[in-house]
Amino acid sequence: MSEKEKQASQVVVVTRADLPAYCPTEAMGLWNSHPRVYIPLEESPQASCPYCGTQFELKEN
């Protein structure tokens, strides 16, 4: 599995306190980063990064 496929299968769970969510996250390595994009979770509890496909999920609790 390539590194891009590993990232695409990754799910990042965030809470309202973590908003605004963005990708790449601080946990991702600089060598494979892309421009920072904000992930819109205010209207839908799930969204993905348009660059790497990382899934973001808003947990309400």
Protein backbone atom coordinates (compact mmCIF):
# COMPACT_ATOMS: atom_id res chain seq x y z
CA MET A 1 0.00 0.00 0.00
CA SER A 2 1.43 3.37 -0.99
CA GLU A 3 1.74 6.25 1.47
CA LYS A 4 -1.05 8.12 -0.35
CA GLU A 5 -3.35 5.11 0.03
CA LYS A 6 -2.50 4.91 3.75
CA GLN A 7 -3.40 8.58 4.18
CA ALA A 8 -6.62 8.16 2.24
CA SER A 9 -7.71 5.40 4.60
CA GLN A 10 -6.93 7.53 7.65
CA VAL A 11 -9.83 8.97 9.65
CA VAL A 12 -9.26 12.03 11.81
CA VAL A 13 -11.89 12.49 14.52
CA VAL A 14 -12.36 16.07 15.74
CA THR A 15 -14.65 17.77 18.24
CA ARG A 16 -16.27 21.20 18.04
CA ALA A 17 -13.41 22.51 20.20
CA ASP A 18 -10.96 21.45 17.44
CA LEU A 19 -12.72 23.46 14.73
CA PRO A 20 -11.75 24.72 12.28
CA ALA A 21 -10.31 21.41 11.11
CA TYR A 22 -7.51 21.53 8.57
CA CYS A 23 -5.31 19.25 6.56
CA PRO A 24 -2.48 18.40 6.65
CA THR A 25 -2.71 17.91 10.40
CA GLU A 26 0.24 18.53 12.66
CA ALA A 27 0.72 14.77 12.96
CA MET A 28 1.42 14.40 9.22
CA GLY A 29 5.02 14.56 8.07
CA LEU A 30 6.31 17.61 6.24
CA TRP A 31 7.82 15.53 3.45
CA ASN A 32 4.39 14.55 2.14
CA SER A 33 2.38 17.66 2.92
CA HIS A 34 0.25 19.73 0.62
CA PRO A 35 -1.12 23.26 0.98
CA ARG A 36 -3.23 23.72 4.12
CA VAL A 37 -6.93 23.46 3.44
CA TYR A 38 -9.75 23.89 5.92
CA ILE A 39 -12.22 21.03 6.12
CA PRO A 40 -15.87 22.15 6.31
CA LEU A 41 -17.50 20.15 9.12
CA GLU A 42 -20.01 22.73 10.29
CA GLU A 43 -22.80 21.59 7.95
CA SER A 44 -21.94 17.90 7.59
CA PRO A 45 -20.25 15.66 10.19
CA GLN A 46 -17.98 14.05 7.59
CA ALA A 47 -15.73 15.47 4.89
CA SER A 48 -12.50 14.56 3.15
CA CYS A 49 -9.41 16.46 2.14
CA PRO A 50 -9.46 17.32 -1.58
CA TYR A 51 -5.69 16.79 -1.83
CA CYS A 52 -4.95 13.54 0.01
CA GLY A 53 -8.37 12.04 0.74
CA THR A 54 -7.95 11.93 4.52
CA GLN A 55 -11.39 11.57 6.08
CA PHE A 56 -12.46 13.96 8.83
CA GLU A 57 -15.31 13.15 11.19
CA LEU A 58 -16.95 15.51 13.69
CA LYS A 59 -17.71 13.85 17.01
CA GLU A 60 -20.34 15.79 18.93
CA ASN A 61 -19.35 14.69 22.45
